[in-house]
């Protein structure tokens, strides 16, 4: 599943970021979550983002991942997150 969210970065994480967001800054996020069923699980999203160091999560939208869409040139940037999600269970993209 893909969850498009807005959340606040707390910095309370064991995850290593290439570039860390500023503490207490609010950002848009896309959370990739490996799920068996295509249902929205807000509790799991909040728990997962908390592990990544985010709080005050607002889910803007959720939809199943369409793997074939990653073949489009504009979507290649997300391919690594899809693969990480398959391997690790989730993957996060944050943006300003």
Protein backbone atom coordinates (compact mmCIF):
# COMPACT_ATOMS: atom_id res chain seq x y z
CA UNK A 1 0.00 0.00 0.00
CA UNK A 2 1.02 3.60 -0.56
CA UNK A 3 0.10 6.10 2.11
CA UNK A 4 0.48 9.78 1.33
CA UNK A 5 0.84 11.59 4.65
CA UNK A 6 1.88 14.75 6.38
CA UNK A 7 3.85 14.38 9.62
CA UNK A 8 6.21 16.13 12.06
CA UNK A 9 9.81 14.93 12.38
CA UNK A 10 10.68 14.26 16.03
CA UNK A 11 14.22 13.01 15.52
CA UNK A 12 13.49 10.06 17.82
CA UNK A 13 14.63 7.30 15.47
CA UNK A 14 17.26 4.64 15.04
CA UNK A 15 16.94 4.93 11.27
CA UNK A 16 19.83 6.55 9.43
CA UNK A 17 18.79 9.21 6.94
CA UNK A 18 21.00 10.47 4.11
CA UNK A 19 19.75 13.93 5.08
CA UNK A 20 17.74 14.46 8.25
CA UNK A 21 14.72 16.76 8.28
CA UNK A 22 14.91 19.65 10.76
CA UNK A 23 13.56 18.75 14.19
CA UNK A 24 9.86 19.50 14.61
CA UNK A 25 9.49 20.32 10.92
CA UNK A 26 6.36 19.24 9.05
CA UNK A 27 6.77 17.40 5.76
CA UNK A 28 4.86 15.44 3.20
CA UNK A 29 5.68 11.73 3.19
CA UNK A 30 4.94 8.68 1.11
CA UNK A 31 5.02 5.47 3.11
CA UNK A 32 5.28 2.18 1.22
CA UNK A 33 3.90 -0.68 3.34
CA UNK A 34 3.92 -4.38 2.51
CA UNK A 35 0.43 -5.64 3.38
CA UNK A 36 -1.43 -8.85 2.62
CA UNK A 37 -4.76 -7.06 2.09
CA UNK A 38 -5.55 -3.71 0.46
CA UNK A 39 -7.20 -2.09 3.47
CA UNK A 40 -6.22 1.18 5.13
CA UNK A 41 -4.56 0.57 8.51
CA UNK A 42 -4.13 3.97 10.18
CA UNK A 43 -2.74 2.49 13.41
CA UNK A 44 -0.02 0.63 11.55
CA UNK A 45 0.87 3.76 9.57
CA UNK A 46 1.22 5.84 12.75
CA UNK A 47 3.29 3.11 14.47
CA UNK A 48 5.55 2.68 11.45
CA UNK A 49 6.13 6.42 11.01
CA UNK A 50 6.87 6.71 14.74
CA UNK A 51 9.68 4.18 14.25
CA UNK A 52 11.00 6.39 11.45
CA UNK A 53 10.90 9.39 13.84
CA UNK A 54 7.62 11.04 12.85
CA UNK A 55 4.53 12.07 14.84
CA UNK A 56 1.25 13.94 14.34
CA UNK A 57 0.56 11.83 11.25
CA UNK A 58 -2.25 12.87 8.93
CA UNK A 59 -2.99 10.38 6.16
CA UNK A 60 -4.08 12.29 3.06
CA UNK A 61 -4.68 9.25 0.84
CA UNK A 62 -4.03 5.53 0.60
CA UNK A 63 -4.05 3.13 -2.32
CA UNK A 64 -2.62 -0.22 -3.37
CA UNK A 65 0.77 -0.13 -5.06
CA UNK A 66 0.53 -0.64 -8.80
CA UNK A 67 3.93 -2.27 -9.43
CA UNK A 68 3.67 -1.89 -13.20
CA UNK A 69 3.49 1.90 -12.79
CA UNK A 70 7.14 1.82 -11.65
CA UNK A 71 8.09 1.08 -15.27
CA UNK A 72 7.13 4.63 -16.25
CA UNK A 73 10.20 6.91 -16.44
CA UNK A 74 8.69 9.45 -14.02
CA UNK A 75 8.22 6.70 -11.42
CA UNK A 76 11.71 5.16 -11.53
CA UNK A 77 12.75 7.21 -8.50
CA UNK A 78 10.28 5.18 -6.41
CA UNK A 79 11.48 1.76 -7.61
CA UNK A 80 14.12 1.52 -4.85
CA UNK A 81 11.46 2.26 -2.23
CA UNK A 82 9.19 -0.42 -3.65
CA UNK A 83 12.03 -2.95 -3.51
CA UNK A 84 12.96 -1.87 0.04
CA UNK A 85 9.33 -2.28 1.04
CA UNK A 86 9.25 -5.82 -0.34
CA UNK A 87 12.46 -6.70 1.52
CA UNK A 88 12.02 -4.75 4.79
CA UNK A 89 8.25 -4.36 5.09
CA UNK A 90 8.15 -0.60 4.56
CA UNK A 91 9.98 2.34 3.02
CA UNK A 92 9.65 6.08 3.46
CA UNK A 93 10.01 9.05 1.14
CA UNK A 94 9.83 12.51 2.77
CA UNK A 95 9.84 15.85 0.98
CA UNK A 96 9.59 19.55 1.88
